[in-house]
C-alpha cells in the first residue's frame, strides 16, 4: 500500500529599513499538499492549500532597549473552506 505525498511551499520575506530606528519585516508562506493512497479501503483526500503571513515592526530605542510588535495573520485553508461552503 504505497503512499505518495506531494508538497509545494513558497516563502517570501521582505525586510525594509524605514528609518534609522524603525524596521519592518514581512513574511508570507504559501503551501499546498496532496496525498495519494493506493488503498481502496481509504477515502481519497483532496489537495489542501493554505497560507500564513506575519508582519514584524522593530523599533530601536536608545541604549540597550529594543521593542518589537508582531502581527500574525490567521491561516486560511482555502480548499477546506470552499468545501464547507458548498
Foldseek 3Di string as FASTA:
>chain_A
DDKDKDKDKDKDWDWADPDPFKIKIKIKMKMKMAMDDPDPVDDHDDIWIKMKMKMKMKGDDPDPDIDMDMDIDDMDGVVVVVVVVD
